[in-house]
Protein backbone atom coordinates (compact mmCIF):
# COMPACT_ATOMS: atom_id res chain seq x y z
CA UNK A 1 105.30 95.32 119.36
CA UNK A 2 103.77 95.26 115.89
CA UNK A 3 102.72 91.72 114.75
CA UNK A 4 102.49 92.74 111.07
CA UNK A 5 105.62 92.86 108.92
CA UNK A 6 106.47 96.21 107.32
CA UNK A 7 104.73 96.92 104.03
CA UNK A 8 106.89 96.00 101.04
CA UNK A 9 105.42 98.27 98.36
CA UNK A 10 107.35 96.80 95.37
CA UNK A 11 106.23 93.30 96.36
CA UNK A 12 102.65 94.52 96.82
CA UNK A 13 102.69 96.14 93.37
CA UNK A 14 104.18 93.00 91.80
CA UNK A 15 101.45 90.92 93.42
CA UNK A 16 98.78 93.30 92.15
CA UNK A 17 100.17 93.07 88.62
CA UNK A 18 100.22 89.27 88.80
CA UNK A 19 96.67 89.14 90.16
CA UNK A 20 95.38 91.44 87.41
CA UNK A 21 97.13 89.55 84.62
CA UNK A 22 96.20 86.27 86.27
CA UNK A 23 92.47 87.01 86.08
CA UNK A 24 92.56 87.12 82.30
CA UNK A 25 93.79 83.55 81.80
CA UNK A 26 91.01 81.63 83.60
CA UNK A 27 88.46 83.79 81.77
CA UNK A 28 90.12 82.97 78.43
CA UNK A 29 90.17 79.28 79.38
CA UNK A 30 86.46 79.32 80.23
CA UNK A 31 85.66 81.08 76.97
CA UNK A 32 87.66 78.51 75.01
CA UNK A 33 85.90 75.65 76.78
CA UNK A 34 82.50 77.23 76.17
CA UNK A 35 83.04 77.99 72.46
CA UNK A 36 85.31 75.03 71.72
CA UNK A 37 87.37 77.35 69.52
CA UNK A 38 91.02 78.27 70.16
CA UNK A 39 90.88 81.80 68.83
CA UNK A 40 92.43 85.03 70.02
CA UNK A 41 96.00 84.07 70.89
CA UNK A 42 98.64 82.14 69.05
CA UNK A 43 100.67 79.31 70.52
CA UNK A 44 103.85 81.40 70.22
CA UNK A 45 102.39 84.25 72.27
CA UNK A 46 101.12 81.85 74.93
CA UNK A 47 104.52 80.12 75.13
CA UNK A 48 106.28 83.46 75.62
CA UNK A 49 103.90 84.38 78.46
CA UNK A 50 104.37 80.95 80.06
CA UNK A 51 108.16 81.36 79.88
CA UNK A 52 107.81 84.77 81.54
CA UNK A 53 105.82 83.39 84.46
CA UNK A 54 108.26 80.49 84.89
CA UNK A 55 111.19 82.94 84.82
CA UNK A 56 109.52 85.06 87.52
CA UNK A 57 108.94 81.99 89.71
CA UNK A 58 112.54 80.88 89.14
CA UNK A 59 113.82 84.32 90.17
CA UNK A 60 111.92 84.05 93.46
CA UNK A 61 113.38 80.58 94.05
CA UNK A 62 116.90 81.86 93.36
CA UNK A 63 116.39 84.64 95.92
CA UNK A 64 115.21 82.02 98.40
CA UNK A 65 118.29 79.89 97.72
CA UNK A 66 120.42 82.96 98.43
CA UNK A 67 118.88 83.25 101.89
CA UNK A 68 115.83 85.44 101.39
CA UNK A 69 112.39 84.31 102.48
CA UNK A 70 110.16 82.90 99.77
CA UNK A 71 108.11 85.82 98.48
CA UNK A 72 104.34 85.22 98.58
CA UNK A 73 104.10 86.31 94.92
CA UNK A 74 105.92 83.08 94.04
CA UNK A 75 102.57 81.30 94.39
CA UNK A 76 100.90 83.79 92.04
CA UNK A 77 103.60 83.10 89.44
CA UNK A 78 102.90 79.36 89.75
CA UNK A 79 99.13 79.81 89.65
CA UNK A 80 99.38 82.01 86.55
CA UNK A 81 101.84 79.60 84.89
CA UNK A 82 99.39 76.74 85.52
CA UNK A 83 96.52 78.71 84.02
CA UNK A 84 98.60 79.68 80.98
CA UNK A 85 99.72 76.05 80.65
CA UNK A 86 96.06 74.98 80.62
CA UNK A 87 95.38 77.63 77.97
CA UNK A 88 98.26 76.28 75.89
CA UNK A 89 96.88 72.74 76.19
CA UNK A 90 93.38 73.89 75.21
CA UNK A 91 94.75 75.74 72.18
CA UNK A 92 96.57 72.61 71.07
CA UNK A 93 93.69 70.26 71.84
CA UNK A 94 90.96 72.34 70.23
CA UNK A 95 93.01 73.13 67.11
CA UNK A 96 93.91 69.52 66.28
CA UNK A 97 93.09 68.55 62.70
CA UNK A 98 90.22 66.11 62.41
CA UNK A 99 88.52 67.21 65.62
CA UNK A 100 84.76 67.33 65.10
CA UNK A 101 83.64 70.86 64.29
CA UNK A 102 87.07 72.00 63.12
CA UNK A 103 87.45 73.24 59.55
CA UNK A 104 88.62 70.39 57.34
CA UNK A 105 87.48 67.62 59.69
CA UNK A 106 85.40 64.87 58.08
CA UNK A 107 82.38 65.86 60.19
CA UNK A 108 82.71 69.55 59.26
CA UNK A 109 83.06 68.76 55.57
CA UNK A 110 80.07 66.41 55.66
CA UNK A 111 77.70 68.90 57.32
CA UNK A 112 79.00 71.97 55.46
CA UNK A 113 80.42 73.79 58.50
CA UNK A 114 83.96 73.69 57.12
CA UNK A 115 83.23 76.43 54.61
CA UNK A 116 81.31 78.50 57.21
CA UNK A 117 84.42 78.50 59.43
CA UNK A 118 86.32 80.20 56.61
CA UNK A 119 83.64 82.85 56.24
CA UNK A 120 82.13 81.45 53.04
CA UNK A 121 78.62 80.06 52.75
CA UNK A 122 78.23 76.29 52.66
CA UNK A 123 77.56 74.60 49.38
């Protein structure tokens, strides 16, 4: 009697893909928190990725509703969606007009950093 379930290679590969993609989002979030700059990805791109993860999680739930066992990769979809959601929030929060250090904010205009953000020297 074998206590381990049979290896489901497609599920294993899907989990590997989700784990690999999932590593990038926390790293991007940490970078954004460290630099306080929402650069590198647009909101549209991030929304599309978030929709993809939510669609994947929904597909696993639909299979469960049809009688299949909940696939363990469901939790990876949720974890990745949460990380992408945090990234989306950080992009929105850090790009708000008037935030200190952002181009065009009163503080950035006063100390001359607004023009440096656009690649031109202050003054």
